[in-house]
Amino acid sequence: MTVRVAIIDSGINPDHPHVGGVNDGVFFHAEGRSADYTDRIGHGTAVAGAIREKAPGADLYAVRIFDRRLTATLGTLMQGLEWCLAHGVHIVNVSVGTANQQHRARLDDFVRRARRQEVFVVSAAGMLPGMLTGAIAVDVDPECDRDVCRFHDGVFLASPYPRPIPGVPPERNLKGVSFAIANYTGLLARALGSRSPVDAYDEVLQAAKASAQSTNRKPPEGAVQDLRKRDP
C-alpha cells in the first residue's frame, strides 16, 4: 500500500533534496485558501524530510497553515484537518498544538471521526489534539536515536532532531517536538506500507516498548517547545 501522509505545518519545498517531491497540497489562511503550499520558513520542509527519510515510498501532502511564523487560528487548523479527511490520507502529522481547553470539543470531534476512518492523528503530548483519546501523543527524548522511538506512560518518545544537514552541527539545526512527531510518523508510515493500520501501530508500539526497556532508565521530562499557538 502507498501510504499518504499529510503534514500540517508551514508548507513544504518539494524541490528540497530531503523531500523528493510532494503529491498535492493546499494553503489555508485568513483570507481563504490557495494552492501555494510552498514553505517559506523551512519548518515544514524539515518535518517532511524526516518523514521521507524513514518512509521513502510514502506520498506526502503539504497542508500549509503557517505563513511567516508558526502561528495559526483554530479555524485555519480545522480547515486543514478536514482537508486531510476529505483527501483520504492515512496519517495526519500535526505540527501545531494548543492548551486552550475551549478548543477541545472541536478537536475531539475531529479525532473521533478520523479514528472511525482508520486515520492516525499524530501530535504533541500534553496539548490538543495530541492529548485526546484516539490521537497518538509524542514527546521529545534527546537521547533517543532518530531511527527508533520509545514508549512510556502512554506517550511515544522520539528524537527532537530533524534529518542532519551536512556541515551543520545539530545544535545549529532546527530541533523540538515537531521533529519528534515527524520521526515517529516516519516509523509508523514505514510500517503501514505493508501492514494493516492495527498491525502497523502494534509493530511500532512493541518496538518502542522494547527500546524503552533496553535503556532501563526514566525518560527525560518532555518540552513542547517549538509548537506555537494563537487562540482566536
Protein backbone atom coordinates (compact mmCIF):
# COMPACT_ATOMS: atom_id res chain seq x y z
CA MET A 1 0.00 0.00 0.00
CA THR A 2 1.17 3.52 -0.75
CA VAL A 3 0.83 5.44 2.49
CA ARG A 4 -0.50 9.00 2.26
CA VAL A 5 0.90 11.35 4.90
CA ALA A 6 -0.43 14.89 5.39
CA ILE A 7 1.88 17.38 7.07
CA ILE A 8 0.09 20.27 8.74
CA ASP A 9 2.78 22.90 9.02
CA SER A 10 4.38 25.80 7.12
CA GLY A 11 4.15 24.04 3.78
CA ILE A 12 6.85 22.02 2.01
CA ASN A 13 9.53 22.87 -0.52
CA PRO A 14 9.04 19.96 -2.95
CA ASP A 15 12.42 20.56 -4.61
CA HIS A 16 14.45 20.11 -1.45
CA PRO A 17 16.71 17.03 -1.78
CA HIS A 18 15.46 15.64 1.54
CA VAL A 19 11.84 15.77 0.39
CA GLY A 20 11.82 14.18 -3.05
CA GLY A 21 8.55 15.69 -4.20
CA VAL A 22 5.04 16.36 -2.91
CA ASN A 23 1.89 14.75 -4.26
CA ASP A 24 -0.50 17.60 -3.54
CA GLY A 25 -1.06 20.44 -1.16
CA VAL A 26 -3.08 23.45 -0.07
CA PHE A 27 -2.63 26.69 1.85
CA PHE A 28 -5.31 27.78 4.32
CA HIS A 29 -5.08 31.37 5.56
CA ALA A 30 -7.20 34.18 6.95
CA GLU A 31 -8.48 35.21 3.51
CA GLY A 32 -9.38 31.69 2.38
CA ARG A 33 -7.29 29.09 0.60
CA SER A 34 -4.90 28.75 -2.32
CA ALA A 35 -2.69 26.17 -3.99
CA ASP A 36 0.51 27.86 -2.78
CA TYR A 37 1.80 25.27 -0.34
CA THR A 38 5.48 26.21 -0.80
CA ASP A 39 7.33 26.54 2.50
CA ARG A 40 8.82 30.00 3.16
CA ILE A 41 10.46 29.33 6.55
CA GLY A 42 11.81 25.78 6.29
CA HIS A 43 10.00 24.19 9.21
CA GLY A 44 7.55 22.05 7.29
CA THR A 45 10.24 21.07 4.82
CA ALA A 46 12.43 19.76 7.65
CA VAL A 47 9.45 17.82 9.02
CA ALA A 48 8.79 16.33 5.57
CA GLY A 49 12.45 15.39 5.21
CA ALA A 50 12.41 13.46 8.47
CA ILE A 51 9.33 11.52 7.37
CA ARG A 52 10.65 10.85 3.85
CA GLU A 53 13.92 9.51 5.29
CA LYS A 54 12.05 6.69 7.08
CA ALA A 55 9.25 6.14 4.58
CA PRO A 56 10.71 6.84 1.13
CA GLY A 57 7.73 5.35 -0.67
CA ALA A 58 5.08 7.45 1.09
CA ASP A 59 3.02 10.10 -0.69
CA LEU A 60 3.44 13.44 1.07
CA TYR A 61 0.73 16.11 1.19
CA ALA A 62 1.52 19.66 2.26
CA VAL A 63 -1.21 21.29 4.33
CA ARG A 64 0.12 24.77 4.89
CA ILE A 65 -1.48 26.71 7.75
CA PHE A 66 1.56 28.81 8.76
CA ASP A 67 2.95 31.71 6.76
CA ARG A 68 5.97 33.59 8.09
CA ARG A 69 5.50 32.49 11.70
CA LEU A 70 4.49 29.22 13.36
CA THR A 71 1.08 30.53 14.40
CA ALA A 72 -2.44 29.78 13.22
CA THR A 73 -6.01 30.19 14.38
CA LEU A 74 -8.18 27.22 15.34
CA GLY A 75 -10.35 27.87 12.30
CA THR A 76 -7.39 27.59 9.97
CA LEU A 77 -6.23 24.41 11.69
CA MET A 78 -9.69 22.86 11.41
CA GLN A 79 -9.82 23.59 7.68
CA GLY A 80 -6.51 21.82 7.28
CA LEU A 81 -7.64 18.83 9.31
CA GLU A 82 -10.88 18.49 7.36
CA TRP A 83 -8.93 18.65 4.09
CA CYS A 84 -6.94 15.64 5.25
CA LEU A 85 -10.04 13.51 5.80
CA ALA A 86 -11.55 14.62 2.51
CA HIS A 87 -8.40 13.61 0.62
CA GLY A 88 -8.06 10.12 2.05
CA VAL A 89 -4.77 10.44 3.91
CA HIS A 90 -3.68 7.68 6.27
CA ILE A 91 -1.59 9.71 8.73
CA VAL A 92 -2.05 13.34 9.79
CA ASN A 93 1.20 14.76 11.14
CA VAL A 94 0.10 17.78 13.21
CA SER A 95 2.90 20.28 13.90
CA VAL A 96 0.68 22.54 15.98
CA GLY A 97 -0.96 22.33 19.38
CA THR A 98 -2.89 24.36 21.90
CA ALA A 99 -3.50 24.24 25.64
CA ASN A 100 -6.79 26.13 25.25
CA GLN A 101 -9.46 23.75 26.53
CA GLN A 102 -12.16 25.77 24.77
CA HIS A 103 -10.96 24.10 21.57
CA ARG A 104 -11.23 20.60 22.99
CA ALA A 105 -14.71 19.74 21.71
CA ARG A 106 -13.97 20.59 18.06
CA LEU A 107 -10.64 18.80 18.05
CA ASP A 108 -12.08 15.80 19.87
CA ASP A 109 -14.83 15.51 17.26
CA PHE A 110 -12.22 15.50 14.51
CA VAL A 111 -10.06 12.86 16.20
CA ARG A 112 -13.10 10.63 16.70
CA ARG A 113 -14.07 10.89 13.04
CA ALA A 114 -10.51 10.27 11.95
CA ARG A 115 -10.30 7.17 14.09
CA ARG A 116 -13.50 5.79 12.57
CA GLN A 117 -11.86 6.16 9.16
CA GLU A 118 -8.66 4.46 10.44
CA VAL A 119 -6.71 7.70 10.06
CA PHE A 120 -3.87 8.25 12.53
CA VAL A 121 -3.55 11.71 14.11
CA VAL A 122 -0.03 12.28 15.47
CA SER A 123 0.65 15.34 17.61
CA ALA A 124 2.36 16.63 20.76
CA ALA A 125 1.75 15.07 24.15
CA GLY A 126 0.21 17.35 26.74
CA MET A 127 -1.53 19.58 24.20
CA LEU A 128 -4.58 19.41 21.98
CA PRO A 129 -5.11 17.39 19.86
CA GLY A 130 -2.30 15.06 20.95
CA MET A 131 -3.67 14.58 24.45
CA LEU A 132 -7.06 13.37 23.20
CA THR A 133 -8.18 9.76 23.28
CA GLY A 134 -7.64 8.33 19.82
CA ALA A 135 -4.71 10.60 18.94
CA ILE A 136 -1.08 9.48 19.13
CA ALA A 137 0.86 11.54 21.66
CA VAL A 138 4.57 12.16 21.06
CA ASP A 139 7.15 13.93 23.20
CA VAL A 140 10.89 14.52 22.96
CA ASP A 141 13.75 12.34 24.17
CA PRO A 142 17.08 13.95 23.18
CA GLU A 143 18.93 10.70 23.92
CA CYS A 144 16.77 8.65 21.58
CA ASP A 145 18.28 7.63 18.26
CA ARG A 146 16.48 9.11 15.26
CA ASP A 147 15.72 5.65 13.84
CA VAL A 148 13.76 4.38 16.85
CA CYS A 149 11.22 5.58 19.37
CA ARG A 150 10.36 4.65 22.94
CA PHE A 151 7.09 4.31 24.83
CA HIS A 152 6.46 5.43 28.42
CA ASP A 153 3.21 6.12 30.30
CA GLY A 154 1.09 6.21 27.17
CA VAL A 155 3.39 8.54 25.24
CA PHE A 156 5.79 7.82 22.40
CA LEU A 157 9.22 9.40 22.86
CA ALA A 158 11.34 10.27 19.85
CA SER A 159 14.37 12.28 18.87
CA PRO A 160 13.74 16.04 18.62
CA TYR A 161 16.20 16.40 15.74
CA PRO A 162 15.36 16.54 12.02
CA ARG A 163 17.43 14.97 9.28
CA PRO A 164 21.05 16.14 9.56
CA ILE A 165 22.38 18.78 7.19
CA PRO A 166 25.99 18.19 6.07
CA GLY A 167 28.31 20.73 7.67
CA VAL A 168 25.68 22.00 10.14
CA PRO A 169 26.14 20.92 13.80
CA PRO A 170 22.95 19.52 15.40
CA GLU A 171 22.85 22.40 17.87
CA ARG A 172 22.67 24.86 14.96
CA ASN A 173 19.89 22.98 13.20
CA LEU A 174 16.17 23.08 13.99
CA LYS A 175 15.02 20.93 16.90
CA GLY A 176 11.96 20.36 19.05
CA VAL A 177 8.82 18.31 19.47
CA SER A 178 7.70 18.88 15.87
CA PHE A 179 10.60 16.71 14.74
CA ALA A 180 9.93 14.09 17.40
CA ILE A 181 6.42 13.90 15.91
CA ALA A 182 7.87 13.64 12.41
CA ASN A 183 10.35 10.94 13.39
CA TYR A 184 7.52 8.89 14.90
CA THR A 185 5.29 9.50 11.87
CA GLY A 186 8.03 8.21 9.58
CA LEU A 187 8.32 4.97 11.54
CA LEU A 188 4.54 4.50 11.50
CA ALA A 189 4.30 5.24 7.77
CA ARG A 190 7.03 2.72 7.03
CA ALA A 191 5.19 0.00 8.99
CA LEU A 192 1.85 0.93 7.45
CA GLY A 193 3.19 0.37 3.96
CA SER A 194 3.00 -3.41 4.38
CA ARG A 195 0.54 -3.91 7.26
CA SER A 196 -2.99 -3.12 8.33
CA PRO A 197 -3.44 0.00 10.49
CA VAL A 198 -3.84 -2.11 13.64
CA ASP A 199 -0.80 -4.27 12.90
CA ALA A 200 1.34 -1.29 11.87
CA TYR A 201 0.57 0.59 15.07
CA ASP A 202 1.20 -2.51 17.16
CA GLU A 203 4.54 -3.15 15.46
CA VAL A 204 5.77 0.36 16.25
CA LEU A 205 4.37 0.15 19.78
CA GLN A 206 6.06 -3.16 20.58
CA ALA A 207 9.38 -1.92 19.19
CA ALA A 208 9.05 1.27 21.23
CA LYS A 209 8.34 -0.69 24.42
CA ALA A 210 11.32 -2.93 23.78
CA SER A 211 13.54 0.10 23.18
CA ALA A 212 12.37 1.69 26.43
CA GLN A 213 13.08 -1.49 28.39
CA SER A 214 16.54 -1.84 26.89
CA THR A 215 17.58 1.61 28.12
CA ASN A 216 16.45 0.84 31.68
CA ARG A 217 16.15 4.50 32.57
CA LYS A 218 13.43 7.03 33.22
CA PRO A 219 12.83 9.22 30.17
CA PRO A 220 13.51 12.96 30.48
CA GLU A 221 10.80 15.49 31.05
CA GLY A 222 9.38 16.44 27.66
CA ALA A 223 9.40 20.01 26.44
CA VAL A 224 6.75 21.07 23.96
CA GLN A 225 8.85 24.00 22.88
CA ASP A 226 8.58 24.58 19.15
CA LEU A 227 4.82 24.38 18.78
CA ARG A 228 3.17 27.77 18.62
CA LYS A 229 -0.45 28.69 19.08
CA ARG A 230 -2.65 31.70 18.70
CA ASP A 231 -6.02 31.36 20.31
CA PRO A 232 -8.73 33.14 18.36
